[in-house]
Amino acid sequence: MLVLTRKRSEMIQIGENIVIKIIQTGKSTVKIGIEAPENVRVLRGELEPHTGSQYLLERLKKRQSAVGAEAECVTADFS
């Protein structure tokens, strides 16, 4: 894990298109802003109990279902 120290209004760049900006700091909290493309899922950790692997598994299942449906359409076209 990379640990950084930032002051208010400083930023962190992740890749080419994700920016995290420190908006406000308090005694025990930090307010951050996140700029990311719409296709990047950004959630607070407590909202996603199975972060990472569960999300990827669900996406894979959806893609497999979509590919299966497309294959059925193609098969129907050749019948």
N, C-alpha and C. Protein backbone atom coordinates (compact mmCIF):
# COMPACT_ATOMS: atom_id res chain seq x y z
N MET A 1 0.85 -1.18 0.00
CA MET A 1 0.00 0.00 0.00
C MET A 1 0.89 1.24 0.00
N LEU A 2 0.57 2.14 -0.87
CA LEU A 2 1.27 3.42 -0.92
C LEU A 2 0.58 4.38 0.04
N VAL A 3 1.33 5.01 0.93
CA VAL A 3 0.78 5.97 1.88
C VAL A 3 1.39 7.33 1.58
N LEU A 4 0.52 8.32 1.36
CA LEU A 4 0.96 9.67 1.01
C LEU A 4 0.44 10.68 2.02
N THR A 5 1.19 11.74 2.20
CA THR A 5 0.73 12.87 3.00
C THR A 5 0.41 14.00 2.04
N ARG A 6 -0.79 14.55 2.16
CA ARG A 6 -1.23 15.63 1.29
C ARG A 6 -1.83 16.74 2.13
N LYS A 7 -1.74 17.95 1.64
CA LYS A 7 -2.38 19.10 2.27
C LYS A 7 -3.61 19.48 1.47
N ARG A 8 -4.45 20.32 2.06
CA ARG A 8 -5.66 20.75 1.38
C ARG A 8 -5.34 21.32 0.00
N SER A 9 -6.14 20.99 -0.96
CA SER A 9 -6.07 21.37 -2.37
C SER A 9 -4.95 20.68 -3.15
N GLU A 10 -4.19 19.80 -2.51
CA GLU A 10 -3.21 19.02 -3.26
C GLU A 10 -3.90 17.82 -3.89
N MET A 11 -3.28 17.26 -4.92
CA MET A 11 -3.91 16.19 -5.68
C MET A 11 -3.02 14.96 -5.77
N ILE A 12 -3.67 13.85 -6.10
CA ILE A 12 -3.00 12.59 -6.39
C ILE A 12 -3.51 12.14 -7.75
N GLN A 13 -2.61 11.81 -8.64
CA GLN A 13 -2.96 11.34 -9.98
C GLN A 13 -2.80 9.83 -10.02
N ILE A 14 -3.83 9.12 -10.48
CA ILE A 14 -3.77 7.67 -10.65
C ILE A 14 -3.98 7.38 -12.13
N GLY A 15 -2.98 6.83 -12.74
CA GLY A 15 -3.06 6.59 -14.18
C GLY A 15 -3.17 7.91 -14.92
N GLU A 16 -3.82 7.85 -16.07
CA GLU A 16 -3.94 9.06 -16.88
C GLU A 16 -5.23 9.83 -16.64
N ASN A 17 -6.25 9.17 -16.06
CA ASN A 17 -7.54 9.84 -16.02
C ASN A 17 -8.27 9.77 -14.68
N ILE A 18 -7.55 9.52 -13.60
CA ILE A 18 -8.17 9.54 -12.27
C ILE A 18 -7.39 10.51 -11.40
N VAL A 19 -8.10 11.46 -10.80
CA VAL A 19 -7.48 12.46 -9.93
C VAL A 19 -8.22 12.46 -8.60
N ILE A 20 -7.46 12.42 -7.52
CA ILE A 20 -8.02 12.53 -6.18
C ILE A 20 -7.52 13.84 -5.60
N LYS A 21 -8.44 14.67 -5.16
CA LYS A 21 -8.08 15.98 -4.63
C LYS A 21 -8.53 16.09 -3.18
N ILE A 22 -7.65 16.60 -2.33
CA ILE A 22 -7.99 16.83 -0.93
C ILE A 22 -8.77 18.14 -0.87
N ILE A 23 -10.04 18.06 -0.48
CA ILE A 23 -10.91 19.23 -0.45
C ILE A 23 -10.84 19.94 0.89
N GLN A 24 -10.90 19.16 1.96
CA GLN A 24 -10.95 19.75 3.30
C GLN A 24 -10.40 18.75 4.30
N THR A 25 -9.69 19.25 5.30
CA THR A 25 -9.22 18.38 6.38
C THR A 25 -9.77 18.87 7.70
N GLY A 26 -10.07 17.94 8.58
CA GLY A 26 -10.59 18.27 9.90
C GLY A 26 -9.81 17.51 10.96
N LYS A 27 -10.33 17.51 12.18
CA LYS A 27 -9.65 16.82 13.26
C LYS A 27 -9.49 15.33 12.98
N SER A 28 -10.57 14.69 12.57
CA SER A 28 -10.51 13.25 12.36
C SER A 28 -11.07 12.82 11.01
N THR A 29 -11.29 13.77 10.11
CA THR A 29 -11.84 13.43 8.80
C THR A 29 -11.10 14.16 7.69
N VAL A 30 -11.23 13.63 6.51
CA VAL A 30 -10.69 14.26 5.31
C VAL A 30 -11.77 14.19 4.25
N LYS A 31 -12.06 15.31 3.61
CA LYS A 31 -13.02 15.33 2.50
C LYS A 31 -12.22 15.31 1.21
N ILE A 32 -12.53 14.33 0.36
CA ILE A 32 -11.80 14.21 -0.89
C ILE A 32 -12.76 14.30 -2.07
N GLY A 33 -12.23 14.71 -3.19
CA GLY A 33 -12.97 14.71 -4.45
C GLY A 33 -12.28 13.75 -5.40
N ILE A 34 -13.07 13.01 -6.15
CA ILE A 34 -12.52 12.03 -7.08
C ILE A 34 -13.04 12.33 -8.48
N GLU A 35 -12.14 12.54 -9.41
CA GLU A 35 -12.49 12.72 -10.81
C GLU A 35 -12.07 11.46 -11.54
N ALA A 36 -13.05 10.78 -12.14
CA ALA A 36 -12.77 9.54 -12.87
C ALA A 36 -13.77 9.41 -14.01
N PRO A 37 -13.40 8.67 -15.04
CA PRO A 37 -14.34 8.44 -16.14
C PRO A 37 -15.59 7.72 -15.63
N GLU A 38 -16.68 7.87 -16.36
CA GLU A 38 -17.95 7.27 -15.94
C GLU A 38 -17.87 5.75 -15.86
N ASN A 39 -17.00 5.14 -16.63
CA ASN A 39 -16.92 3.68 -16.61
C ASN A 39 -16.09 3.13 -15.45
N VAL A 40 -15.54 4.01 -14.62
CA VAL A 40 -14.79 3.58 -13.44
C VAL A 40 -15.71 3.63 -12.24
N ARG A 41 -15.88 2.49 -11.59
CA ARG A 41 -16.76 2.39 -10.43
C ARG A 41 -16.02 2.89 -9.20
N VAL A 42 -16.59 3.89 -8.52
CA VAL A 42 -15.99 4.45 -7.31
C VAL A 42 -17.01 4.31 -6.19
N LEU A 43 -16.66 3.55 -5.16
CA LEU A 43 -17.54 3.33 -4.01
C LEU A 43 -16.76 3.49 -2.72
N ARG A 44 -17.46 3.90 -1.68
CA ARG A 44 -16.87 3.87 -0.35
C ARG A 44 -16.74 2.40 0.04
N GLY A 45 -15.68 2.07 0.76
CA GLY A 45 -15.42 0.69 1.13
C GLY A 45 -16.56 0.02 1.87
N GLU A 46 -17.24 0.74 2.74
CA GLU A 46 -18.32 0.13 3.52
C GLU A 46 -19.55 -0.20 2.69
N LEU A 47 -19.64 0.34 1.49
CA LEU A 47 -20.77 0.05 0.62
C LEU A 47 -20.57 -1.21 -0.21
N GLU A 48 -19.37 -1.69 -0.29
CA GLU A 48 -19.05 -2.87 -1.09
C GLU A 48 -18.36 -3.90 -0.19
N PRO A 49 -19.15 -4.79 0.43
CA PRO A 49 -18.56 -5.74 1.37
C PRO A 49 -17.57 -6.71 0.74
N HIS A 50 -17.75 -7.03 -0.52
CA HIS A 50 -16.84 -7.94 -1.21
C HIS A 50 -16.08 -7.18 -2.28
N THR A 51 -15.36 -6.16 -1.88
CA THR A 51 -14.69 -5.32 -2.87
C THR A 51 -13.79 -6.13 -3.77
N GLY A 52 -13.71 -5.72 -4.96
CA GLY A 52 -12.79 -6.31 -5.92
C GLY A 52 -13.28 -7.61 -6.51
N SER A 53 -12.97 -8.73 -5.87
CA SER A 53 -13.21 -10.04 -6.47
C SER A 53 -14.69 -10.30 -6.73
N GLN A 54 -15.57 -9.95 -5.81
CA GLN A 54 -17.00 -10.19 -6.01
C GLN A 54 -17.52 -9.36 -7.19
N TYR A 55 -17.10 -8.11 -7.27
CA TYR A 55 -17.52 -7.24 -8.36
C TYR A 55 -17.04 -7.80 -9.70
N LEU A 56 -15.78 -8.23 -9.75
CA LEU A 56 -15.25 -8.77 -11.00
C LEU A 56 -15.96 -10.06 -11.40
N LEU A 57 -16.29 -10.89 -10.42
CA LEU A 57 -17.01 -12.13 -10.71
C LEU A 57 -18.38 -11.83 -11.30
N GLU A 58 -19.09 -10.85 -10.73
CA GLU A 58 -20.41 -10.47 -11.26
C GLU A 58 -20.30 -9.94 -12.69
N ARG A 59 -19.30 -9.13 -12.96
CA ARG A 59 -19.11 -8.61 -14.31
C ARG A 59 -18.81 -9.72 -15.30
N LEU A 60 -17.98 -10.68 -14.88
CA LEU A 60 -17.65 -11.80 -15.75
C LEU A 60 -18.89 -12.62 -16.07
N LYS A 61 -19.74 -12.87 -15.07
CA LYS A 61 -20.97 -13.63 -15.31
C LYS A 61 -21.89 -12.89 -16.29
N LYS A 62 -22.00 -11.57 -16.14
CA LYS A 62 -22.84 -10.79 -17.05
C LYS A 62 -22.31 -10.86 -18.47
N ARG A 63 -20.99 -10.77 -18.62
CA ARG A 63 -20.40 -10.83 -19.96
C ARG A 63 -20.60 -12.21 -20.58
N GLN A 64 -20.45 -13.26 -19.77
CA GLN A 64 -20.65 -14.61 -20.29
C GLN A 64 -22.10 -14.79 -20.74
N SER A 65 -23.04 -14.25 -19.98
CA SER A 65 -24.45 -14.33 -20.36
C SER A 65 -24.69 -13.59 -21.68
N ALA A 66 -24.09 -12.42 -21.81
CA ALA A 66 -24.26 -11.62 -23.03
C ALA A 66 -23.66 -12.35 -24.23
N VAL A 67 -22.48 -12.94 -24.05
CA VAL A 67 -21.84 -13.67 -25.15
C VAL A 67 -22.69 -14.88 -25.52
N GLY A 68 -23.25 -15.57 -24.54
CA GLY A 68 -24.12 -16.72 -24.81
C GLY A 68 -25.35 -16.31 -25.60
N ALA A 69 -25.94 -15.19 -25.24
CA ALA A 69 -27.13 -14.69 -25.95
C ALA A 69 -26.78 -14.32 -27.39
N GLU A 70 -25.61 -13.70 -27.59
CA GLU A 70 -25.18 -13.35 -28.94
C GLU A 70 -24.94 -14.61 -29.77
N ALA A 71 -24.36 -15.65 -29.16
CA ALA A 71 -24.10 -16.90 -29.87
C ALA A 71 -25.41 -17.55 -30.31
N GLU A 72 -26.44 -17.48 -29.47
CA GLU A 72 -27.74 -18.04 -29.83
C GLU A 72 -28.32 -17.30 -31.03
N CYS A 73 -28.16 -15.99 -31.06
CA CYS A 73 -28.67 -15.19 -32.19
C CYS A 73 -27.94 -15.57 -33.47
N VAL A 74 -26.63 -15.74 -33.38
CA VAL A 74 -25.84 -16.10 -34.56
C VAL A 74 -26.26 -17.48 -35.05
N THR A 75 -26.43 -18.43 -34.14
CA THR A 75 -26.86 -19.78 -34.51
C THR A 75 -28.22 -19.72 -35.19
N ALA A 76 -29.12 -18.91 -34.65
CA ALA A 76 -30.46 -18.79 -35.24
C ALA A 76 -30.38 -18.24 -36.65
N ASP A 77 -29.42 -17.35 -36.92
CA ASP A 77 -29.29 -16.78 -38.25
C ASP A 77 -28.84 -17.81 -39.28
N PHE A 78 -28.07 -18.81 -38.86
CA PHE A 78 -27.56 -19.81 -39.78
C PHE A 78 -28.52 -20.98 -39.98
N SER A 79 -29.57 -21.06 -39.20
CA SER A 79 -30.49 -22.21 -39.30
C SER A 79 -31.37 -22.13 -40.52
